[in-house]
Amino acid sequence: MHRVLNCFNLSLDYRKFMNTFERIYEQVKKIPYGKVATYGQIAAMAGNPRWSQIVGYALHVNPDPKEIKCYRVVNRFGELSDAFAFGGKSAQEQLLESEGITVEDGKVDLKIYGAFL
């Protein structure tokens, strides 16, 4: 479901006017508590499955970590990020574990904790 803006009796899909990072942040906000998503899943949900690396860039400059829970994003193997921008890999692990997500050897089981599988 998306909002449509009516301007001068024209129906405009607001998503076409959002910048790429905003689109990515909106998708990251959809990851439920206690779940994770992959960079590729977020990229696809934001409009382009080839944006995995761009998702990483966007999360690295996350303007609002309290609302945009970037620690819930892992790679396609469930591995945590070596470059987690808000305290490193150990901080990401602690944040995930605080939501009841088990992390073993720097990895999350996507079959158990994957939000969009």
PDB file of N, CA and C in Angstrom:
ATOM      1  N   MET A   1       0.841  -1.169   0.000  1.00  0.00           N
ATOM      2  CA  MET A   1       0.000   0.000   0.000  1.00  0.00           C
ATOM      3  C   MET A   1       0.891   1.239   0.000  1.00  0.00           C
ATOM      4  N   HIS A   2       0.586   2.208  -0.821  1.00  0.00           N
ATOM      5  CA  HIS A   2       1.348   3.443  -0.861  1.00  0.00           C
ATOM      6  C   HIS A   2       0.403   4.625  -0.982  1.00  0.00           C
ATOM      7  N   ARG A   3       0.933   5.751  -0.533  1.00  0.00           N
ATOM      8  CA  ARG A   3       0.128   6.964  -0.596  1.00  0.00           C
ATOM      9  C   ARG A   3       0.206   7.555  -1.994  1.00  0.00           C
ATOM     10  N   VAL A   4      -0.885   8.133  -2.411  1.00  0.00           N
ATOM     11  CA  VAL A   4      -0.921   8.823  -3.694  1.00  0.00           C
ATOM     12  C   VAL A   4      -1.265  10.282  -3.413  1.00  0.00           C
ATOM     13  N   LEU A   5      -0.510  11.187  -3.987  1.00  0.00           N
ATOM     14  CA  LEU A   5      -0.765  12.607  -3.824  1.00  0.00           C
ATOM     15  C   LEU A   5      -1.595  13.105  -4.994  1.00  0.00           C
ATOM     16  N   ASN A   6      -2.594  13.866  -4.699  1.00  0.00           N
ATOM     17  CA  ASN A   6      -3.399  14.471  -5.759  1.00  0.00           C
ATOM     18  C   ASN A   6      -3.024  15.941  -5.866  1.00  0.00           C
ATOM     19  N   CYS A   7      -2.540  16.317  -6.996  1.00  0.00           N
ATOM     20  CA  CYS A   7      -2.080  17.674  -7.223  1.00  0.00           C
ATOM     21  C   CYS A   7      -2.618  18.123  -8.575  1.00  0.00           C
ATOM     22  N   PHE A   8      -3.419  19.147  -8.570  1.00  0.00           N
ATOM     23  CA  PHE A   8      -4.012  19.634  -9.811  1.00  0.00           C
ATOM     24  C   PHE A   8      -4.768  18.524 -10.529  1.00  0.00           C
ATOM     25  N   ASN A   9      -5.466  17.694  -9.752  1.00  0.00           N
ATOM     26  CA  ASN A   9      -6.262  16.589 -10.276  1.00  0.00           C
ATOM     27  C   ASN A   9      -5.431  15.519 -10.986  1.00  0.00           C
ATOM     28  N   LEU A  10      -4.136  15.481 -10.708  1.00  0.00           N
ATOM     29  CA  LEU A  10      -3.275  14.429 -11.237  1.00  0.00           C
ATOM     30  C   LEU A  10      -2.938  13.485 -10.099  1.00  0.00           C
ATOM     31  N   SER A  11      -2.957  12.226 -10.345  1.00  0.00           N
ATOM     32  CA  SER A  11      -2.596  11.255  -9.331  1.00  0.00           C
ATOM     33  C   SER A  11      -1.104  10.966  -9.465  1.00  0.00           C
ATOM     34  N   LEU A  12      -0.347  11.270  -8.416  1.00  0.00           N
ATOM     35  CA  LEU A  12       1.102  11.094  -8.440  1.00  0.00           C
ATOM     36  C   LEU A  12       1.520  10.123  -7.347  1.00  0.00           C
ATOM     37  N   ASP A  13       2.309   9.145  -7.692  1.00  0.00           N
ATOM     38  CA  ASP A  13       2.834   8.200  -6.721  1.00  0.00           C
ATOM     39  C   ASP A  13       4.041   8.855  -6.048  1.00  0.00           C
ATOM     40  N   TYR A  14       3.932   9.147  -4.750  1.00  0.00           N
ATOM     41  CA  TYR A  14       4.989   9.868  -4.047  1.00  0.00           C
ATOM     42  C   TYR A  14       6.318   9.127  -4.074  1.00  0.00           C
ATOM     43  N   ARG A  15       6.294   7.788  -4.208  1.00  0.00           N
ATOM     44  CA  ARG A  15       7.546   7.022  -4.183  1.00  0.00           C
ATOM     45  C   ARG A  15       8.474   7.397  -5.331  1.00  0.00           C
ATOM     46  N   LYS A  16       7.929   7.865  -6.412  1.00  0.00           N
ATOM     47  CA  LYS A  16       8.767   8.244  -7.553  1.00  0.00           C
ATOM     48  C   LYS A  16       9.604   9.479  -7.241  1.00  0.00           C
ATOM     49  N   PHE A  17       9.224  10.210  -6.213  1.00  0.00           N
ATOM     50  CA  PHE A  17       9.921  11.450  -5.894  1.00  0.00           C
ATOM     51  C   PHE A  17      10.840  11.319  -4.682  1.00  0.00           C
ATOM     52  N   MET A  18      10.800  10.209  -4.021  1.00  0.00           N
ATOM     53  CA  MET A  18      11.691   9.991  -2.884  1.00  0.00           C
ATOM     54  C   MET A  18      13.087   9.664  -3.401  1.00  0.00           C
ATOM     55  N   ASN A  19      14.087  10.117  -2.694  1.00  0.00           N
ATOM     56  CA  ASN A  19      15.418   9.717  -3.135  1.00  0.00           C
ATOM     57  C   ASN A  19      15.686   8.271  -2.723  1.00  0.00           C
ATOM     58  N   THR A  20      16.678   7.696  -3.290  1.00  0.00           N
ATOM     59  CA  THR A  20      16.972   6.276  -3.092  1.00  0.00           C
ATOM     60  C   THR A  20      17.168   5.935  -1.616  1.00  0.00           C
ATOM     61  N   PHE A  21      17.935   6.728  -0.888  1.00  0.00           N
ATOM     62  CA  PHE A  21      18.174   6.426   0.525  1.00  0.00           C
ATOM     63  C   PHE A  21      16.871   6.464   1.317  1.00  0.00           C
ATOM     64  N   GLU A  22      16.014   7.419   1.039  1.00  0.00           N
ATOM     65  CA  GLU A  22      14.727   7.481   1.745  1.00  0.00           C
ATOM     66  C   GLU A  22      13.916   6.222   1.489  1.00  0.00           C
ATOM     67  N   ARG A  23      13.932   5.741   0.260  1.00  0.00           N
ATOM     68  CA  ARG A  23      13.210   4.515  -0.078  1.00  0.00           C
ATOM     69  C   ARG A  23      13.785   3.332   0.697  1.00  0.00           C
ATOM     70  N   ILE A  24      15.092   3.287   0.800  1.00  0.00           N
ATOM     71  CA  ILE A  24      15.752   2.220   1.554  1.00  0.00           C
ATOM     72  C   ILE A  24      15.370   2.302   3.027  1.00  0.00           C
ATOM     73  N   TYR A  25      15.424   3.492   3.597  1.00  0.00           N
ATOM     74  CA  TYR A  25      15.084   3.651   5.013  1.00  0.00           C
ATOM     75  C   TYR A  25      13.642   3.227   5.299  1.00  0.00           C
ATOM     76  N   GLU A  26      12.738   3.531   4.394  1.00  0.00           N
ATOM     77  CA  GLU A  26      11.339   3.128   4.580  1.00  0.00           C
ATOM     78  C   GLU A  26      11.210   1.609   4.629  1.00  0.00           C
ATOM     79  N   GLN A  27      11.992   0.907   3.840  1.00  0.00           N
ATOM     80  CA  GLN A  27      11.932  -0.553   3.835  1.00  0.00           C
ATOM     81  C   GLN A  27      12.561  -1.140   5.096  1.00  0.00           C
ATOM     82  N   VAL A  28      13.658  -0.557   5.543  1.00  0.00           N
ATOM     83  CA  VAL A  28      14.316  -1.045   6.767  1.00  0.00           C
ATOM     84  C   VAL A  28      13.366  -0.903   7.959  1.00  0.00           C
ATOM     85  N   LYS A  29      12.582   0.147   7.978  1.00  0.00           N
ATOM     86  CA  LYS A  29      11.613   0.349   9.069  1.00  0.00           C
ATOM     87  C   LYS A  29      10.569  -0.763   9.124  1.00  0.00           C
ATOM     88  N   LYS A  30      10.391  -1.497   8.041  1.00  0.00           N
ATOM     89  CA  LYS A  30       9.390  -2.568   7.989  1.00  0.00           C
ATOM     90  C   LYS A  30       9.884  -3.884   8.592  1.00  0.00           C
ATOM     91  N   ILE A  31      11.163  -3.976   8.910  1.00  0.00           N
ATOM     92  CA  ILE A  31      11.686  -5.216   9.495  1.00  0.00           C
ATOM     93  C   ILE A  31      11.151  -5.316  10.923  1.00  0.00           C
ATOM     94  N   PRO A  32      10.411  -6.370  11.240  1.00  0.00           N
ATOM     95  CA  PRO A  32       9.825  -6.481  12.572  1.00  0.00           C
ATOM     96  C   PRO A  32      10.865  -6.731  13.667  1.00  0.00           C
ATOM     97  N   TYR A  33      10.485  -6.370  14.868  1.00  0.00           N
ATOM     98  CA  TYR A  33      11.282  -6.659  16.056  1.00  0.00           C
ATOM     99  C   TYR A  33      11.580  -8.159  16.096  1.00  0.00           C
ATOM    100  N   GLY A  34      12.831  -8.503  16.374  1.00  0.00           N
ATOM    101  CA  GLY A  34      13.203  -9.910  16.481  1.00  0.00           C
ATOM    102  C   GLY A  34      13.444 -10.606  15.156  1.00  0.00           C
ATOM    103  N   LYS A  35      13.504  -9.830  14.077  1.00  0.00           N
ATOM    104  CA  LYS A  35      13.733 -10.385  12.740  1.00  0.00           C
ATOM    105  C   LYS A  35      14.838  -9.606  12.044  1.00  0.00           C
ATOM    106  N   VAL A  36      15.364 -10.180  10.969  1.00  0.00           N
ATOM    107  CA  VAL A  36      16.372  -9.511  10.148  1.00  0.00           C
ATOM    108  C   VAL A  36      15.971  -9.613   8.682  1.00  0.00           C
ATOM    109  N   ALA A  37      16.615  -8.809   7.856  1.00  0.00           N
ATOM    110  CA  ALA A  37      16.459  -8.877   6.404  1.00  0.00           C
ATOM    111  C   ALA A  37      17.846  -8.730   5.802  1.00  0.00           C
ATOM    112  N   THR A  38      17.989  -9.159   4.564  1.00  0.00           N
ATOM    113  CA  THR A  38      19.286  -9.044   3.896  1.00  0.00           C
ATOM    114  C   THR A  38      19.345  -7.739   3.098  1.00  0.00           C
ATOM    115  N   TYR A  39      20.569  -7.353   2.772  1.00  0.00           N
ATOM    116  CA  TYR A  39      20.764  -6.164   1.930  1.00  0.00           C
ATOM    117  C   TYR A  39      19.988  -6.322   0.622  1.00  0.00           C
ATOM    118  N   GLY A  40      20.046  -7.514   0.040  1.00  0.00           N
ATOM    119  CA  GLY A  40      19.360  -7.772  -1.223  1.00  0.00           C
ATOM    120  C   GLY A  40      17.855  -7.663  -1.107  1.00  0.00           C
ATOM    121  N   GLN A  41      17.299  -8.152  -0.006  1.00  0.00           N
ATOM    122  CA  GLN A  41      15.854  -8.042   0.196  1.00  0.00           C
ATOM    123  C   GLN A  41      15.428  -6.581   0.308  1.00  0.00           C
ATOM    124  N   ILE A  42      16.196  -5.814   1.064  1.00  0.00           N
ATOM    125  CA  ILE A  42      15.878  -4.393   1.215  1.00  0.00           C
ATOM    126  C   ILE A  42      16.011  -3.682  -0.128  1.00  0.00           C
ATOM    127  N   ALA A  43      17.049  -4.025  -0.873  1.00  0.00           N
ATOM    128  CA  ALA A  43      17.252  -3.427  -2.197  1.00  0.00           C
ATOM    129  C   ALA A  43      16.047  -3.702  -3.095  1.00  0.00           C
ATOM    130  N   ALA A  44      15.613  -4.944  -3.143  1.00  0.00           N
ATOM    131  CA  ALA A  44      14.473  -5.316  -3.984  1.00  0.00           C
ATOM    132  C   ALA A  44      13.205  -4.591  -3.529  1.00  0.00           C
ATOM    133  N   MET A  45      12.986  -4.536  -2.238  1.00  0.00           N
ATOM    134  CA  MET A  45      11.803  -3.866  -1.705  1.00  0.00           C
ATOM    135  C   MET A  45      11.829  -2.361  -1.986  1.00  0.00           C
ATOM    136  N   ALA A  46      13.039  -1.799  -2.079  1.00  0.00           N
ATOM    137  CA  ALA A  46      13.185  -0.363  -2.344  1.00  0.00           C
ATOM    138  C   ALA A  46      13.099  -0.040  -3.829  1.00  0.00           C
ATOM    139  N   GLY A  47      13.065  -1.080  -4.664  1.00  0.00           N
ATOM    140  CA  GLY A  47      12.845  -0.816  -6.072  1.00  0.00           C
ATOM    141  C   GLY A  47      13.848  -1.384  -7.050  1.00  0.00           C
ATOM    142  N   ASN A  48      14.989  -1.889  -6.564  1.00  0.00           N
ATOM    143  CA  ASN A  48      15.974  -2.427  -7.489  1.00  0.00           C
ATOM    144  C   ASN A  48      16.806  -3.499  -6.791  1.00  0.00           C
ATOM    145  N   PRO A  49      16.672  -4.765  -7.187  1.00  0.00           N
ATOM    146  CA  PRO A  49      17.410  -5.841  -6.518  1.00  0.00           C
ATOM    147  C   PRO A  49      18.929  -5.734  -6.664  1.00  0.00           C
ATOM    148  N   ARG A  50      19.394  -4.848  -7.518  1.00  0.00           N
ATOM    149  CA  ARG A  50      20.844  -4.664  -7.699  1.00  0.00           C
ATOM    150  C   ARG A  50      21.422  -3.588  -6.784  1.00  0.00           C
ATOM    151  N   TRP A  51      20.627  -3.059  -5.897  1.00  0.00           N
ATOM    152  CA  TRP A  51      21.059  -1.985  -5.008  1.00  0.00           C
ATOM    153  C   TRP A  51      21.643  -2.467  -3.687  1.00  0.00           C
ATOM    154  N   SER A  52      22.022  -3.718  -3.556  1.00  0.00           N
ATOM    155  CA  SER A  52      22.518  -4.230  -2.270  1.00  0.00           C
ATOM    156  C   SER A  52      23.634  -3.363  -1.695  1.00  0.00           C
ATOM    157  N   GLN A  53      24.581  -2.994  -2.531  1.00  0.00           N
ATOM    158  CA  GLN A  53      25.699  -2.185  -2.063  1.00  0.00           C
ATOM    159  C   GLN A  53      25.226  -0.778  -1.681  1.00  0.00           C
ATOM    160  N   ILE A  54      24.268  -0.261  -2.420  1.00  0.00           N
ATOM    161  CA  ILE A  54      23.725   1.061  -2.101  1.00  0.00           C
ATOM    162  C   ILE A  54      22.995   1.016  -0.759  1.00  0.00           C
ATOM    163  N   VAL A  55      22.340  -0.104  -0.468  1.00  0.00           N
ATOM    164  CA  VAL A  55      21.704  -0.268   0.843  1.00  0.00           C
ATOM    165  C   VAL A  55      22.768  -0.129   1.932  1.00  0.00           C
ATOM    166  N   GLY A  56      23.910  -0.769   1.728  1.00  0.00           N
ATOM    167  CA  GLY A  56      25.005  -0.654   2.698  1.00  0.00           C
ATOM    168  C   GLY A  56      25.463   0.783   2.882  1.00  0.00           C
ATOM    169  N   TYR A  57      25.607   1.510   1.780  1.00  0.00           N
ATOM    170  CA  TYR A  57      26.005   2.917   1.870  1.00  0.00           C
ATOM    171  C   TYR A  57      24.969   3.713   2.655  1.00  0.00           C
ATOM    172  N   ALA A  58      23.693   3.493   2.334  1.00  0.00           N
ATOM    173  CA  ALA A  58      22.616   4.231   3.005  1.00  0.00           C
ATOM    174  C   ALA A  58      22.621   3.954   4.510  1.00  0.00           C
ATOM    175  N   LEU A  59      22.794   2.698   4.877  1.00  0.00           N
ATOM    176  CA  LEU A  59      22.767   2.357   6.298  1.00  0.00           C
ATOM    177  C   LEU A  59      23.986   2.908   7.028  1.00  0.00           C
ATOM    178  N   HIS A  60      25.082   3.045   6.321  1.00  0.00           N
ATOM    179  CA  HIS A  60      26.297   3.578   6.938  1.00  0.00           C
ATOM    180  C   HIS A  60      26.132   5.053   7.316  1.00  0.00           C
ATOM    181  N   VAL A  61      25.238   5.750   6.638  1.00  0.00           N
ATOM    182  CA  VAL A  61      24.995   7.160   6.947  1.00  0.00           C
ATOM    183  C   VAL A  61      23.575   7.367   7.486  1.00  0.00           C
ATOM    184  N   ASN A  62      23.035   6.350   8.102  1.00  0.00           N
ATOM    185  CA  ASN A  62      21.690   6.381   8.674  1.00  0.00           C
ATOM    186  C   ASN A  62      21.506   7.646   9.528  1.00  0.00           C
ATOM    187  N   PRO A  63      20.563   8.504   9.166  1.00  0.00           N
ATOM    188  CA  PRO A  63      20.366   9.747   9.905  1.00  0.00           C
ATOM    189  C   PRO A  63      19.601   9.588  11.223  1.00  0.00           C
ATOM    190  N   ASP A  64      18.976   8.430  11.434  1.00  0.00           N
ATOM    191  CA  ASP A  64      18.130   8.254  12.617  1.00  0.00           C
ATOM    192  C   ASP A  64      18.141   6.791  13.072  1.00  0.00           C
ATOM    193  N   PRO A  65      19.258   6.339  13.665  1.00  0.00           N
ATOM    194  CA  PRO A  65      19.376   4.923  14.056  1.00  0.00           C
ATOM    195  C   PRO A  65      18.314   4.441  15.047  1.00  0.00           C
ATOM    196  N   LYS A  66      17.717   5.348  15.808  1.00  0.00           N
ATOM    197  CA  LYS A  66      16.685   4.924  16.758  1.00  0.00           C
ATOM    198  C   LYS A  66      15.405   4.513  16.048  1.00  0.00           C
ATOM    199  N   GLU A  67      15.110   5.133  14.922  1.00  0.00           N
ATOM    200  CA  GLU A  67      13.908   4.820  14.153  1.00  0.00           C
ATOM    201  C   GLU A  67      14.189   3.875  12.988  1.00  0.00           C
ATOM    202  N   ILE A  68      15.383   3.980  12.421  1.00  0.00           N
ATOM    203  CA  ILE A  68      15.769   3.148  11.280  1.00  0.00           C
ATOM    204  C   ILE A  68      16.757   2.114  11.815  1.00  0.00           C
ATOM    205  N   LYS A  69      16.266   0.943  12.170  1.00  0.00           N
ATOM    206  CA  LYS A  69      17.041  -0.087  12.872  1.00  0.00           C
ATOM    207  C   LYS A  69      17.963  -0.830  11.909  1.00  0.00           C
ATOM    208  N   CYS A  70      19.031  -0.162  11.498  1.00  0.00           N
ATOM    209  CA  CYS A  70      19.918  -0.726  10.479  1.00  0.00           C
ATOM    210  C   CYS A  70      20.637  -1.984  10.955  1.00  0.00           C
ATOM    211  N   TYR A  71      20.715  -2.200  12.256  1.00  0.00           N
ATOM    212  CA  TYR A  71      21.364  -3.409  12.758  1.00  0.00           C
ATOM    213  C   TYR A  71      20.586  -4.668  12.402  1.00  0.00           C
ATOM    214  N   ARG A  72      19.358  -4.529  11.960  1.00  0.00           N
ATOM    215  CA  ARG A  72      18.548  -5.679  11.552  1.00  0.00           C
ATOM    216  C   ARG A  72      18.847  -6.143  10.130  1.00  0.00           C
ATOM    217  N   VAL A  73      19.775  -5.496   9.454  1.00  0.00           N
ATOM    218  CA  VAL A  73      20.137  -5.869   8.085  1.00  0.00           C
ATOM    219  C   VAL A  73      21.460  -6.629   8.099  1.00  0.00           C
ATOM    220  N   VAL A  74      21.443  -7.804   7.468  1.00  0.00           N
ATOM    221  CA  VAL A  74      22.619  -8.676   7.411  1.00  0.00           C
ATOM    222  C   VAL A  74      22.877  -9.062   5.954  1.00  0.00           C
ATOM    223  N   ASN A  75      23.996  -9.722   5.711  1.00  0.00           N
ATOM    224  CA  ASN A  75      24.258 -10.118   4.318  1.00  0.00           C
ATOM    225  C   ASN A  75      23.463 -11.371   3.952  1.00  0.00           C
ATOM    226  N   ARG A  76      23.593 -11.807   2.726  1.00  0.00           N
ATOM    227  CA  ARG A  76      22.772 -12.916   2.215  1.00  0.00           C
ATOM    228  C   ARG A  76      23.030 -14.241   2.915  1.00  0.00           C
ATOM    229  N   PHE A  77      24.131 -14.323   3.661  1.00  0.00           N
ATOM    230  CA  PHE A  77      24.448 -15.532   4.417  1.00  0.00           C
ATOM    231  C   PHE A  77      24.047 -15.396   5.888  1.00  0.00           C
ATOM    232  N   GLY A  78      23.475 -14.251   6.247  1.00  0.00           N
ATOM    233  CA  GLY A  78      23.096 -13.998   7.634  1.00  0.00           C
ATOM    234  C   GLY A  78      24.223 -13.432   8.471  1.00  0.00           C
ATOM    235  N   GLU A  79      25.326 -13.079   7.812  1.00  0.00           N
ATOM    236  CA  GLU A  79      26.487 -12.574   8.543  1.00  0.00           C
ATOM    237  C   GLU A  79      26.321 -11.107   8.910  1.00  0.00           C
ATOM    238  N   LEU A  80      26.837 -10.765  10.092  1.00  0.00           N
ATOM    239  CA  LEU A  80      26.801  -9.377  10.549  1.00  0.00           C
ATOM    240  C   LEU A  80      27.815  -8.561   9.762  1.00  0.00           C
ATOM    241  N   SER A  81      27.671  -7.253   9.843  1.00  0.00           N
ATOM    242  CA  SER A  81      28.536  -6.351   9.077  1.00  0.00           C
ATOM    243  C   SER A  81      29.824  -6.035   9.828  1.00  0.00           C
ATOM    244  N   ASP A  82      30.944  -6.223   9.141  1.00  0.00           N
ATOM    245  CA  ASP A  82      32.231  -5.811   9.714  1.00  0.00           C
ATOM    246  C   ASP A  82      32.297  -4.293   9.818  1.00  0.00           C
ATOM    247  N   ALA A  83      31.540  -3.611   8.996  1.00  0.00           N
ATOM    248  CA  ALA A  83      31.587  -2.150   8.941  1.00  0.00           C
ATOM    249  C   ALA A  83      30.360  -1.514   9.590  1.00  0.00           C
ATOM    250  N   PHE A  84      29.735  -2.196  10.539  1.00  0.00           N
ATOM    251  CA  PHE A  84      28.551  -1.623  11.183  1.00  0.00           C
ATOM    252  C   PHE A  84      28.928  -0.259  11.758  1.00  0.00           C
ATOM    253  N   ALA A  85      28.264   0.769  11.279  1.00  0.00           N
ATOM    254  CA  ALA A  85      28.665   2.154  11.534  1.00  0.00           C
ATOM    255  C   ALA A  85      28.420   2.640  12.959  1.00  0.00           C
ATOM    256  N   PHE A  86      27.621   1.937  13.721  1.00  0.00           N
ATOM    257  CA  PHE A  86      27.234   2.455  15.023  1.00  0.00           C
ATOM    258  C   PHE A  86      27.782   1.611  16.167  1.00  0.00           C
ATOM    259  N   GLY A  87      29.083   1.331  16.109  1.00  0.00           N
ATOM    260  CA  GLY A  87      29.747   0.628  17.202  1.00  0.00           C
ATOM    261  C   GLY A  87      30.412  -0.665  16.805  1.00  0.00           C
ATOM    262  N   GLY A  88      30.402  -1.015  15.546  1.00  0.00           N
ATOM    263  CA  GLY A  88      31.083  -2.212  15.076  1.00  0.00           C
ATOM    264  C   GLY A  88      30.232  -3.465  15.182  1.00  0.00           C
ATOM    265  N   LYS A  89      30.847  -4.564  14.774  1.00  0.00           N
ATOM    266  CA  LYS A  89      30.151  -5.859  14.712  1.00  0.00           C
ATOM    267  C   LYS A  89      29.620  -6.293  16.084  1.00  0.00           C
ATOM    268  N   SER A  90      30.395  -6.041  17.138  1.00  0.00           N
ATOM    269  CA  SER A  90      29.939  -6.466  18.465  1.00  0.00           C
ATOM    270  C   SER A  90      28.700  -5.681  18.904  1.00  0.00           C
ATOM    271  N   ALA A  91      28.613  -4.413  18.523  1.00  0.00           N
ATOM    272  CA  ALA A  91      27.419  -3.620  18.853  1.00  0.00           C
ATOM    273  C   ALA A  91      26.210  -4.153  18.101  1.00  0.00           C
ATOM    274  N   GLN A  92      26.394  -4.515  16.829  1.00  0.00           N
ATOM    275  CA  GLN A  92      25.295  -5.083  16.052  1.00  0.00           C
ATOM    276  C   GLN A  92      24.830  -6.385  16.697  1.00  0.00           C
ATOM    277  N   GLU A  93      25.773  -7.201  17.108  1.00  0.00           N
ATOM    278  CA  GLU A  93      25.428  -8.472  17.756  1.00  0.00           C
ATOM    279  C   GLU A  93      24.638  -8.229  19.037  1.00  0.00           C
ATOM    280  N   GLN A  94      25.071  -7.289  19.854  1.00  0.00           N
ATOM    281  CA  GLN A  94      24.367  -6.992  21.108  1.00  0.00           C
ATOM    282  C   GLN A  94      22.943  -6.499  20.845  1.00  0.00           C
ATOM    283  N   LEU A  95      22.788  -5.639  19.841  1.00  0.00           N
ATOM    284  CA  LEU A  95      21.454  -5.121  19.522  1.00  0.00           C
ATOM    285  C   LEU A  95      20.528  -6.231  19.032  1.00  0.00           C
ATOM    286  N   LEU A  96      21.042  -7.121  18.204  1.00  0.00           N
ATOM    287  CA  LEU A  96      20.225  -8.242  17.727  1.00  0.00           C
ATOM    288  C   LEU A  96      19.863  -9.173  18.877  1.00  0.00           C
ATOM    289  N   GLU A  97      20.834  -9.485  19.716  1.00  0.00           N
ATOM    290  CA  GLU A  97      20.571 -10.375  20.851  1.00  0.00           C
ATOM    291  C   GLU A  97      19.583  -9.756  21.835  1.00  0.00           C
ATOM    292  N   SER A  98      19.574  -8.425  21.937  1.00  0.00           N
ATOM    293  CA  SER A  98      18.614  -7.763  22.836  1.00  0.00           C
ATOM    294  C   SER A  98      17.178  -7.941  22.347  1.00  0.00           C
ATOM    295  N   GLU A  99      17.021  -8.321  21.070  1.00  0.00           N
ATOM    296  CA  GLU A  99      15.701  -8.596  20.501  1.00  0.00           C
ATOM    297  C   GLU A  99      15.410 -10.096  20.463  1.00  0.00           C
ATOM    298  N   GLY A 100      16.273 -10.887  21.086  1.00  0.00           N
ATOM    299  CA  GLY A 100      16.049 -12.325  21.138  1.00  0.00           C
ATOM    300  C   GLY A 100      16.595 -13.089  19.941  1.00  0.00           C
ATOM    301  N   ILE A 101      17.385 -12.438  19.113  1.00  0.00           N
ATOM    302  CA  ILE A 101      17.970 -13.083  17.936  1.00  0.00           C
ATOM    303  C   ILE A 101      19.292 -13.720  18.333  1.00  0.00           C
ATOM    304  N   THR A 102      19.420 -15.002  18.064  1.00  0.00           N
ATOM    305  CA  THR A 102      20.650 -15.720  18.385  1.00  0.00           C
ATOM    306  C   THR A 102      21.687 -15.472  17.304  1.00  0.00           C
ATOM    307  N   VAL A 103      22.877 -15.068  17.739  1.00  0.00           N
ATOM    308  CA  VAL A 103      23.999 -14.844  16.825  1.00  0.00           C
ATOM    309  C   VAL A 103      25.088 -15.837  17.202  1.00  0.00           C
ATOM    310  N   GLU A 104      25.481 -16.661  16.238  1.00  0.00           N
ATOM    311  CA  GLU A 104      26.550 -17.632  16.468  1.00  0.00           C
ATOM    312  C   GLU A 104      27.653 -17.412  15.452  1.00  0.00           C
ATOM    313  N   ASP A 105      28.861 -17.211  15.951  1.00  0.00           N
ATOM    314  CA  ASP A 105      30.016 -16.973  15.081  1.00  0.00           C
ATOM    315  C   ASP A 105      29.759 -15.845  14.094  1.00  0.00           C
ATOM    316  N   GLY A 106      29.127 -14.773  14.566  1.00  0.00           N
ATOM    317  CA  GLY A 106      28.882 -13.601  13.729  1.00  0.00           C
ATOM    318  C   GLY A 106      27.812 -13.791  12.673  1.00  0.00           C
ATOM    319  N   LYS A 107      26.931 -14.776  12.910  1.00  0.00           N
ATOM    320  CA  LYS A 107      25.946 -15.121  11.890  1.00  0.00           C
ATOM    321  C   LYS A 107      24.576 -15.370  12.525  1.00  0.00           C
ATOM    322  N   VAL A 108      23.526 -15.010  11.771  1.00  0.00           N
ATOM    323  CA  VAL A 108      22.141 -15.217  12.177  1.00  0.00           C
ATOM    324  C   VAL A 108      21.539 -16.274  11.258  1.00  0.00           C
ATOM    325  N   ASP A 109      20.734 -17.148  11.797  1.00  0.00           N
ATOM    326  CA  ASP A 109      20.045 -18.165  10.973  1.00  0.00           C
ATOM    327  C   ASP A 109      18.852 -17.524  10.294  1.00  0.00           C
ATOM    328  N   LEU A 110      18.965 -17.316   8.988  1.00  0.00           N
ATOM    329  CA  LEU A 110      17.897 -16.646   8.247  1.00  0.00           C
ATOM    330  C   LEU A 110      16.615 -17.464   8.177  1.00  0.00           C
ATOM    331  N   LYS A 111      16.734 -18.784   8.296  1.00  0.00           N
ATOM    332  CA  LYS A 111      15.525 -19.631   8.270  1.00  0.00           C
ATOM    333  C   LYS A 111      14.674 -19.381   9.507  1.00  0.00           C
ATOM    334  N   ILE A 112      15.315 -19.008  10.595  1.00  0.00           N
ATOM    335  CA  ILE A 112      14.596 -18.738  11.844  1.00  0.00           C
ATOM    336  C   ILE A 112      14.230 -17.268  11.964  1.00  0.00           C
ATOM    337  N   TYR A 113      15.189 -16.387  11.668  1.00  0.00           N
ATOM    338  CA  TYR A 113      15.022 -14.963  11.947  1.00  0.00           C
ATOM    339  C   TYR A 113      14.776 -14.088  10.717  1.00  0.00           C
ATOM    340  N   GLY A 114      14.763 -14.662   9.542  1.00  0.00           N
ATOM    341  CA  GLY A 114      14.521 -13.879   8.335  1.00  0.00           C
ATOM    342  C   GLY A 114      13.107 -13.363   8.289  1.00  0.00           C
ATOM    343  N   ALA A 115      12.946 -12.083   8.082  1.00  0.00           N
ATOM    344  CA  ALA A 115      11.618 -11.458   8.101  1.00  0.00           C
ATOM    345  C   ALA A 115      10.838 -11.678   6.811  1.00  0.00           C
ATOM    346  N   PHE A 116      11.538 -11.778   5.698  1.00  0.00           N
ATOM    347  CA  PHE A 116      10.840 -11.781   4.418  1.00  0.00           C
ATOM    348  C   PHE A 116      11.178 -13.011   3.579  1.00  0.00           C
ATOM    349  N   LEU A 117      11.324 -14.147   4.215  1.00  0.00           N
ATOM    350  CA  LEU A 117      11.669 -15.374   3.485  1.00  0.00           C
ATOM    351  C   LEU A 117      10.418 -16.140   3.121  1.00  0.00           C
TER     352      LEU A 117
END
